[in-house]
Amino acid sequence: MPVINSPILAPVVALVLWTFVMWVWLYATRIPVIRKAGQPLSPNATREEFNAMIPASVRWKADNYNHLMEQPTLFYAIALTLALLGAGEGLNAHLAWLYVGIRVVHSLVQATVNIIMLRFSIFMAASLVLLVMTVRAAMIVFS
């Protein structure tokens, strides 16, 4: 089997690394709040009960981490598909980097100020980039 070394794999790895940055950030802010609350965590507590003891600005990091487990999974699939098709360079690689950059901005907005309409606009921009990547992959696969 040939080794695939495609430029589009770098943004894939970068987004996974960014996801771990958000993972560290969520625990770095969440654990001190939980310790400060001094209440034992009950496995029977609902998500709402757990969230009630955590300030919104701390929850935003966890919300963003969860969001990085959603739409980016489609990005990974399309980027890997483009790499396997031998189309992971040029415009497709640039689009992948653009997607990653937009998702990082989305994370920073959500984790810090969480202005919903700004965050939604950023999400829509990322979605459009992903759609273009998907259409480009579809044109190869279905041609």
N, C-alpha and C. Protein backbone atom coordinates (compact mmCIF):
# COMPACT_ATOMS: atom_id res chain seq x y z
N MET A 1 0.84 -1.18 0.00
CA MET A 1 0.00 0.00 0.00
C MET A 1 0.89 1.24 0.00
N PRO A 2 0.60 2.19 -0.88
CA PRO A 2 1.45 3.37 -0.94
C PRO A 2 1.25 4.27 0.28
N VAL A 3 2.31 4.95 0.64
CA VAL A 3 2.24 5.91 1.75
C VAL A 3 1.61 7.19 1.22
N ILE A 4 0.62 7.68 1.94
CA ILE A 4 -0.04 8.92 1.54
C ILE A 4 0.55 10.05 2.38
N ASN A 5 1.20 10.98 1.71
CA ASN A 5 1.73 12.15 2.38
C ASN A 5 1.15 13.36 1.66
N SER A 6 0.01 13.79 2.10
CA SER A 6 -0.73 14.85 1.45
C SER A 6 -0.70 16.11 2.30
N PRO A 7 -0.56 17.29 1.67
CA PRO A 7 -0.57 18.53 2.43
C PRO A 7 -1.85 18.75 3.25
N ILE A 8 -2.94 18.14 2.84
CA ILE A 8 -4.20 18.34 3.56
C ILE A 8 -4.21 17.64 4.92
N LEU A 9 -3.27 16.77 5.15
CA LEU A 9 -3.21 16.08 6.44
C LEU A 9 -2.72 17.01 7.56
N ALA A 10 -1.93 18.01 7.22
CA ALA A 10 -1.44 18.95 8.25
C ALA A 10 -2.58 19.69 8.94
N PRO A 11 -3.56 20.26 8.20
CA PRO A 11 -4.66 20.90 8.91
C PRO A 11 -5.53 19.91 9.71
N VAL A 12 -5.59 18.68 9.26
CA VAL A 12 -6.32 17.66 10.04
C VAL A 12 -5.66 17.49 11.40
N VAL A 13 -4.36 17.31 11.39
CA VAL A 13 -3.61 17.14 12.65
C VAL A 13 -3.70 18.42 13.49
N ALA A 14 -3.63 19.57 12.84
CA ALA A 14 -3.71 20.84 13.57
C ALA A 14 -5.03 20.98 14.30
N LEU A 15 -6.14 20.58 13.66
CA LEU A 15 -7.44 20.70 14.33
C LEU A 15 -7.56 19.71 15.49
N VAL A 16 -6.99 18.55 15.34
CA VAL A 16 -6.98 17.60 16.47
C VAL A 16 -6.17 18.19 17.62
N LEU A 17 -5.01 18.76 17.31
CA LEU A 17 -4.21 19.40 18.36
C LEU A 17 -4.97 20.54 19.02
N TRP A 18 -5.68 21.36 18.22
CA TRP A 18 -6.47 22.45 18.79
C TRP A 18 -7.55 21.90 19.71
N THR A 19 -8.14 20.79 19.34
CA THR A 19 -9.17 20.16 20.18
C THR A 19 -8.58 19.81 21.55
N PHE A 20 -7.35 19.35 21.57
CA PHE A 20 -6.71 19.05 22.85
C PHE A 20 -6.37 20.32 23.63
N VAL A 21 -6.08 21.40 22.94
CA VAL A 21 -5.89 22.69 23.62
C VAL A 21 -7.18 23.06 24.35
N MET A 22 -8.31 22.92 23.68
CA MET A 22 -9.59 23.23 24.31
C MET A 22 -9.88 22.26 25.46
N TRP A 23 -9.48 21.02 25.32
CA TRP A 23 -9.67 20.02 26.37
C TRP A 23 -8.91 20.43 27.63
N VAL A 24 -7.65 20.85 27.45
CA VAL A 24 -6.85 21.31 28.60
C VAL A 24 -7.48 22.55 29.21
N TRP A 25 -7.91 23.49 28.36
CA TRP A 25 -8.50 24.74 28.84
C TRP A 25 -9.78 24.48 29.62
N LEU A 26 -10.59 23.54 29.15
CA LEU A 26 -11.85 23.28 29.87
C LEU A 26 -11.57 22.69 31.25
N TYR A 27 -10.59 21.78 31.35
CA TYR A 27 -10.31 21.21 32.67
C TYR A 27 -9.55 22.18 33.56
N ALA A 28 -8.71 23.02 32.95
CA ALA A 28 -7.96 24.01 33.75
C ALA A 28 -8.91 25.03 34.39
N THR A 29 -10.05 25.26 33.78
CA THR A 29 -11.02 26.20 34.37
C THR A 29 -12.10 25.47 35.18
N ARG A 30 -12.45 24.28 34.78
CA ARG A 30 -13.54 23.56 35.45
C ARG A 30 -13.12 22.96 36.78
N ILE A 31 -11.97 22.32 36.85
CA ILE A 31 -11.54 21.64 38.08
C ILE A 31 -11.43 22.60 39.26
N PRO A 32 -10.83 23.78 39.09
CA PRO A 32 -10.78 24.70 40.23
C PRO A 32 -12.17 25.13 40.73
N VAL A 33 -13.11 25.31 39.82
CA VAL A 33 -14.47 25.69 40.22
C VAL A 33 -15.13 24.55 41.00
N ILE A 34 -14.94 23.33 40.55
CA ILE A 34 -15.52 22.18 41.25
C ILE A 34 -14.90 22.03 42.64
N ARG A 35 -13.58 22.18 42.71
CA ARG A 35 -12.90 22.09 44.02
C ARG A 35 -13.37 23.19 44.96
N LYS A 36 -13.51 24.40 44.43
CA LYS A 36 -13.93 25.53 45.25
C LYS A 36 -15.35 25.34 45.77
N ALA A 37 -16.20 24.70 44.98
CA ALA A 37 -17.59 24.46 45.41
C ALA A 37 -17.62 23.54 46.62
N GLY A 38 -16.65 22.63 46.73
CA GLY A 38 -16.55 21.76 47.89
C GLY A 38 -17.67 20.75 48.02
N GLN A 39 -18.42 20.55 46.96
CA GLN A 39 -19.51 19.57 47.01
C GLN A 39 -19.06 18.30 46.29
N PRO A 40 -19.36 17.16 46.88
CA PRO A 40 -19.03 15.91 46.18
C PRO A 40 -19.89 15.79 44.92
N LEU A 41 -19.30 15.29 43.86
CA LEU A 41 -20.04 15.10 42.62
C LEU A 41 -20.82 13.79 42.69
N SER A 42 -22.09 13.90 42.50
CA SER A 42 -22.94 12.72 42.55
C SER A 42 -23.12 12.15 41.15
N PRO A 43 -22.94 10.84 41.00
CA PRO A 43 -23.19 10.24 39.69
C PRO A 43 -24.68 10.28 39.32
N ASN A 44 -25.52 10.58 40.30
CA ASN A 44 -26.96 10.66 40.04
C ASN A 44 -27.42 12.07 39.69
N ALA A 45 -26.52 13.03 39.77
CA ALA A 45 -26.88 14.41 39.46
C ALA A 45 -27.14 14.54 37.96
N THR A 46 -28.09 15.37 37.63
CA THR A 46 -28.38 15.62 36.22
C THR A 46 -27.37 16.62 35.66
N ARG A 47 -27.30 16.72 34.36
CA ARG A 47 -26.43 17.70 33.72
C ARG A 47 -26.79 19.11 34.18
N GLU A 48 -28.08 19.37 34.31
CA GLU A 48 -28.54 20.69 34.74
C GLU A 48 -28.04 21.01 36.16
N GLU A 49 -28.09 20.02 37.04
CA GLU A 49 -27.60 20.23 38.41
C GLU A 49 -26.10 20.50 38.41
N PHE A 50 -25.38 19.75 37.60
CA PHE A 50 -23.93 19.95 37.51
C PHE A 50 -23.63 21.34 36.94
N ASN A 51 -24.31 21.71 35.85
CA ASN A 51 -24.07 23.00 35.22
C ASN A 51 -24.45 24.18 36.11
N ALA A 52 -25.41 23.96 37.02
CA ALA A 52 -25.85 25.04 37.91
C ALA A 52 -24.73 25.49 38.85
N MET A 53 -23.79 24.60 39.13
CA MET A 53 -22.71 24.97 40.05
C MET A 53 -21.49 25.56 39.33
N ILE A 54 -21.55 25.62 38.02
CA ILE A 54 -20.41 26.11 37.24
C ILE A 54 -20.79 27.41 36.53
N PRO A 55 -20.00 28.45 36.66
CA PRO A 55 -20.30 29.71 35.96
C PRO A 55 -20.35 29.50 34.44
N ALA A 56 -21.18 30.28 33.78
CA ALA A 56 -21.35 30.15 32.33
C ALA A 56 -20.02 30.26 31.59
N SER A 57 -19.18 31.20 32.00
CA SER A 57 -17.90 31.40 31.30
C SER A 57 -17.00 30.17 31.39
N VAL A 58 -17.18 29.37 32.40
CA VAL A 58 -16.42 28.11 32.52
C VAL A 58 -17.07 27.04 31.64
N ARG A 59 -18.39 27.01 31.61
CA ARG A 59 -19.10 26.03 30.77
C ARG A 59 -18.82 26.23 29.29
N TRP A 60 -18.58 27.47 28.88
CA TRP A 60 -18.36 27.75 27.46
C TRP A 60 -17.20 26.93 26.88
N LYS A 61 -16.17 26.69 27.67
CA LYS A 61 -15.03 25.91 27.18
C LYS A 61 -15.46 24.47 26.90
N ALA A 62 -16.24 23.90 27.81
CA ALA A 62 -16.73 22.53 27.61
C ALA A 62 -17.70 22.47 26.44
N ASP A 63 -18.54 23.49 26.31
CA ASP A 63 -19.47 23.53 25.17
C ASP A 63 -18.69 23.54 23.86
N ASN A 64 -17.62 24.34 23.82
CA ASN A 64 -16.84 24.39 22.59
C ASN A 64 -16.13 23.08 22.33
N TYR A 65 -15.59 22.46 23.37
CA TYR A 65 -14.96 21.15 23.18
C TYR A 65 -15.97 20.17 22.57
N ASN A 66 -17.19 20.19 23.07
CA ASN A 66 -18.22 19.32 22.50
C ASN A 66 -18.50 19.68 21.05
N HIS A 67 -18.50 20.96 20.73
CA HIS A 67 -18.73 21.37 19.35
C HIS A 67 -17.62 20.89 18.43
N LEU A 68 -16.41 20.78 18.97
CA LEU A 68 -15.30 20.26 18.17
C LEU A 68 -15.41 18.76 17.91
N MET A 69 -16.36 18.12 18.57
CA MET A 69 -16.63 16.70 18.31
C MET A 69 -17.79 16.53 17.32
N GLU A 70 -18.35 17.62 16.85
CA GLU A 70 -19.52 17.55 15.98
C GLU A 70 -19.13 17.80 14.52
N GLN A 71 -19.33 18.99 14.00
CA GLN A 71 -19.07 19.26 12.58
C GLN A 71 -17.65 18.91 12.14
N PRO A 72 -16.62 19.15 12.95
CA PRO A 72 -15.28 18.79 12.48
C PRO A 72 -15.12 17.31 12.09
N THR A 73 -15.98 16.44 12.60
CA THR A 73 -15.86 15.05 12.16
C THR A 73 -16.14 14.93 10.66
N LEU A 74 -17.01 15.79 10.13
CA LEU A 74 -17.24 15.82 8.69
C LEU A 74 -16.00 16.35 7.97
N PHE A 75 -15.37 17.36 8.56
CA PHE A 75 -14.13 17.89 8.00
C PHE A 75 -13.08 16.79 7.90
N TYR A 76 -12.92 16.02 8.97
CA TYR A 76 -11.92 14.95 8.94
C TYR A 76 -12.22 13.96 7.82
N ALA A 77 -13.48 13.59 7.68
CA ALA A 77 -13.86 12.62 6.64
C ALA A 77 -13.56 13.18 5.25
N ILE A 78 -13.92 14.42 5.00
CA ILE A 78 -13.70 15.00 3.67
C ILE A 78 -12.22 15.22 3.40
N ALA A 79 -11.49 15.71 4.40
CA ALA A 79 -10.05 15.94 4.21
C ALA A 79 -9.34 14.61 3.93
N LEU A 80 -9.69 13.58 4.67
CA LEU A 80 -9.06 12.27 4.43
C LEU A 80 -9.47 11.70 3.08
N THR A 81 -10.71 11.94 2.68
CA THR A 81 -11.17 11.50 1.37
C THR A 81 -10.36 12.20 0.28
N LEU A 82 -10.18 13.51 0.40
CA LEU A 82 -9.38 14.25 -0.58
C LEU A 82 -7.94 13.75 -0.61
N ALA A 83 -7.39 13.45 0.56
CA ALA A 83 -6.02 12.93 0.61
C ALA A 83 -5.94 11.58 -0.12
N LEU A 84 -6.89 10.70 0.15
CA LEU A 84 -6.89 9.38 -0.49
C LEU A 84 -7.11 9.47 -2.00
N LEU A 85 -7.83 10.48 -2.44
CA LEU A 85 -8.08 10.68 -3.86
C LEU A 85 -6.89 11.34 -4.56
N GLY A 86 -5.88 11.73 -3.79
CA GLY A 86 -4.74 12.42 -4.38
C GLY A 86 -5.05 13.88 -4.68
N ALA A 87 -6.06 14.43 -4.01
CA ALA A 87 -6.49 15.81 -4.25
C ALA A 87 -6.33 16.66 -2.99
N GLY A 88 -5.34 16.37 -2.20
CA GLY A 88 -5.17 17.07 -0.94
C GLY A 88 -4.17 18.20 -0.98
N GLU A 89 -3.92 18.72 -2.16
CA GLU A 89 -2.98 19.84 -2.27
C GLU A 89 -3.69 21.04 -2.88
N GLY A 90 -2.94 22.10 -3.08
CA GLY A 90 -3.49 23.28 -3.75
C GLY A 90 -4.67 23.89 -3.02
N LEU A 91 -5.72 24.21 -3.79
CA LEU A 91 -6.89 24.87 -3.22
C LEU A 91 -7.52 24.05 -2.10
N ASN A 92 -7.55 22.73 -2.25
CA ASN A 92 -8.16 21.91 -1.19
C ASN A 92 -7.40 22.02 0.13
N ALA A 93 -6.09 22.05 0.07
CA ALA A 93 -5.29 22.21 1.29
C ALA A 93 -5.50 23.61 1.87
N HIS A 94 -5.59 24.61 1.01
CA HIS A 94 -5.84 25.98 1.50
C HIS A 94 -7.21 26.09 2.15
N LEU A 95 -8.21 25.45 1.55
CA LEU A 95 -9.56 25.45 2.15
C LEU A 95 -9.54 24.75 3.51
N ALA A 96 -8.78 23.67 3.61
CA ALA A 96 -8.69 22.95 4.88
C ALA A 96 -8.06 23.83 5.95
N TRP A 97 -7.00 24.54 5.60
CA TRP A 97 -6.39 25.46 6.56
C TRP A 97 -7.34 26.58 6.93
N LEU A 98 -8.09 27.07 5.95
CA LEU A 98 -9.07 28.11 6.23
C LEU A 98 -10.12 27.60 7.21
N TYR A 99 -10.60 26.38 7.00
CA TYR A 99 -11.58 25.79 7.91
C TYR A 99 -11.02 25.71 9.33
N VAL A 100 -9.79 25.23 9.45
CA VAL A 100 -9.17 25.11 10.77
C VAL A 100 -9.04 26.48 11.43
N GLY A 101 -8.59 27.47 10.67
CA GLY A 101 -8.45 28.82 11.22
C GLY A 101 -9.78 29.37 11.70
N ILE A 102 -10.81 29.16 10.91
CA ILE A 102 -12.14 29.65 11.31
C ILE A 102 -12.62 28.92 12.57
N ARG A 103 -12.37 27.63 12.66
CA ARG A 103 -12.79 26.88 13.85
C ARG A 103 -12.03 27.33 15.09
N VAL A 104 -10.77 27.70 14.95
CA VAL A 104 -10.00 28.21 16.08
C VAL A 104 -10.60 29.55 16.53
N VAL A 105 -10.92 30.42 15.58
CA VAL A 105 -11.56 31.69 15.92
C VAL A 105 -12.89 31.42 16.62
N HIS A 106 -13.67 30.48 16.10
CA HIS A 106 -14.94 30.11 16.71
C HIS A 106 -14.73 29.69 18.17
N SER A 107 -13.72 28.86 18.40
CA SER A 107 -13.42 28.41 19.76
C SER A 107 -13.09 29.59 20.66
N LEU A 108 -12.24 30.47 20.18
CA LEU A 108 -11.82 31.60 21.01
C LEU A 108 -12.99 32.52 21.33
N VAL A 109 -13.87 32.75 20.37
CA VAL A 109 -15.05 33.57 20.62
C VAL A 109 -15.95 32.89 21.63
N GLN A 110 -16.23 31.60 21.42
CA GLN A 110 -17.14 30.90 22.33
C GLN A 110 -16.56 30.78 23.73
N ALA A 111 -15.28 30.56 23.83
CA ALA A 111 -14.67 30.33 25.14
C ALA A 111 -14.42 31.61 25.92
N THR A 112 -14.47 32.76 25.25
CA THR A 112 -14.17 34.01 25.96
C THR A 112 -15.38 34.93 26.08
N VAL A 113 -15.92 35.39 24.97
CA VAL A 113 -17.03 36.36 25.05
C VAL A 113 -18.38 35.74 24.73
N ASN A 114 -18.40 34.70 23.95
CA ASN A 114 -19.59 33.92 23.59
C ASN A 114 -20.75 34.80 23.11
N ILE A 115 -20.44 35.71 22.19
CA ILE A 115 -21.48 36.51 21.56
C ILE A 115 -22.12 35.61 20.49
N ILE A 116 -23.36 35.24 20.74
CA ILE A 116 -23.98 34.17 19.95
C ILE A 116 -24.08 34.49 18.47
N MET A 117 -24.50 35.68 18.10
CA MET A 117 -24.62 35.99 16.67
C MET A 117 -23.26 36.04 15.99
N LEU A 118 -22.23 36.50 16.68
CA LEU A 118 -20.88 36.47 16.13
C LEU A 118 -20.43 35.03 15.96
N ARG A 119 -20.66 34.25 17.00
CA ARG A 119 -20.28 32.83 16.95
C ARG A 119 -21.01 32.12 15.82
N PHE A 120 -22.30 32.42 15.64
CA PHE A 120 -23.08 31.80 14.57
C PHE A 120 -22.53 32.20 13.20
N SER A 121 -22.15 33.45 13.04
CA SER A 121 -21.59 33.90 11.76
C SER A 121 -20.29 33.17 11.46
N ILE A 122 -19.47 33.00 12.46
CA ILE A 122 -18.21 32.28 12.29
C ILE A 122 -18.50 30.82 11.94
N PHE A 123 -19.46 30.23 12.63
CA PHE A 123 -19.84 28.84 12.34
C PHE A 123 -20.33 28.71 10.90
N MET A 124 -21.13 29.66 10.44
CA MET A 124 -21.64 29.61 9.07
C MET A 124 -20.50 29.73 8.06
N ALA A 125 -19.52 30.57 8.35
CA ALA A 125 -18.36 30.69 7.45
C ALA A 125 -17.61 29.36 7.37
N ALA A 126 -17.40 28.72 8.51
CA ALA A 126 -16.74 27.41 8.52
C ALA A 126 -17.57 26.39 7.75
N SER A 127 -18.88 26.44 7.93
CA SER A 127 -19.77 25.50 7.25
C SER A 127 -19.69 25.66 5.73
N LEU A 128 -19.62 26.92 5.28
CA LEU A 128 -19.52 27.16 3.84
C LEU A 128 -18.21 26.64 3.27
N VAL A 129 -17.12 26.85 4.00
CA VAL A 129 -15.83 26.31 3.56
C VAL A 129 -15.91 24.78 3.49
N LEU A 130 -16.50 24.17 4.50
CA LEU A 130 -16.64 22.71 4.50
C LEU A 130 -17.52 22.24 3.35
N LEU A 131 -18.57 22.98 3.06
CA LEU A 131 -19.43 22.63 1.94
C LEU A 131 -18.66 22.68 0.62
N VAL A 132 -17.85 23.71 0.43
CA VAL A 132 -17.05 23.80 -0.80
C VAL A 132 -16.10 22.61 -0.89
N MET A 133 -15.45 22.27 0.22
CA MET A 133 -14.56 21.09 0.22
C MET A 133 -15.33 19.83 -0.14
N THR A 134 -16.52 19.70 0.39
CA THR A 134 -17.35 18.51 0.14
C THR A 134 -17.76 18.44 -1.32
N VAL A 135 -18.18 19.55 -1.89
CA VAL A 135 -18.56 19.58 -3.30
C VAL A 135 -17.36 19.24 -4.18
N ARG A 136 -16.21 19.77 -3.83
CA ARG A 136 -15.00 19.46 -4.60
C ARG A 136 -14.66 17.96 -4.53
N ALA A 137 -14.83 17.36 -3.35
CA ALA A 137 -14.60 15.92 -3.23
C ALA A 137 -15.66 15.14 -4.02
N ALA A 138 -16.90 15.58 -3.94
CA ALA A 138 -17.98 14.90 -4.66
C ALA A 138 -17.75 14.94 -6.17
N MET A 139 -17.24 16.04 -6.66
CA MET A 139 -16.98 16.16 -8.11
C MET A 139 -15.95 15.12 -8.56
N ILE A 140 -15.01 14.81 -7.70
CA ILE A 140 -14.01 13.79 -8.05
C ILE A 140 -14.62 12.40 -7.91
N VAL A 141 -15.26 12.15 -6.80
CA VAL A 141 -15.79 10.82 -6.51
C VAL A 141 -16.87 10.41 -7.51
N PHE A 142 -17.72 11.35 -7.88
CA PHE A 142 -18.86 11.01 -8.73
C PHE A 142 -18.63 11.32 -10.21
N SER A 143 -17.39 11.65 -10.58
CA SER A 143 -17.14 11.93 -12.01
C SER A 143 -16.76 10.67 -12.76
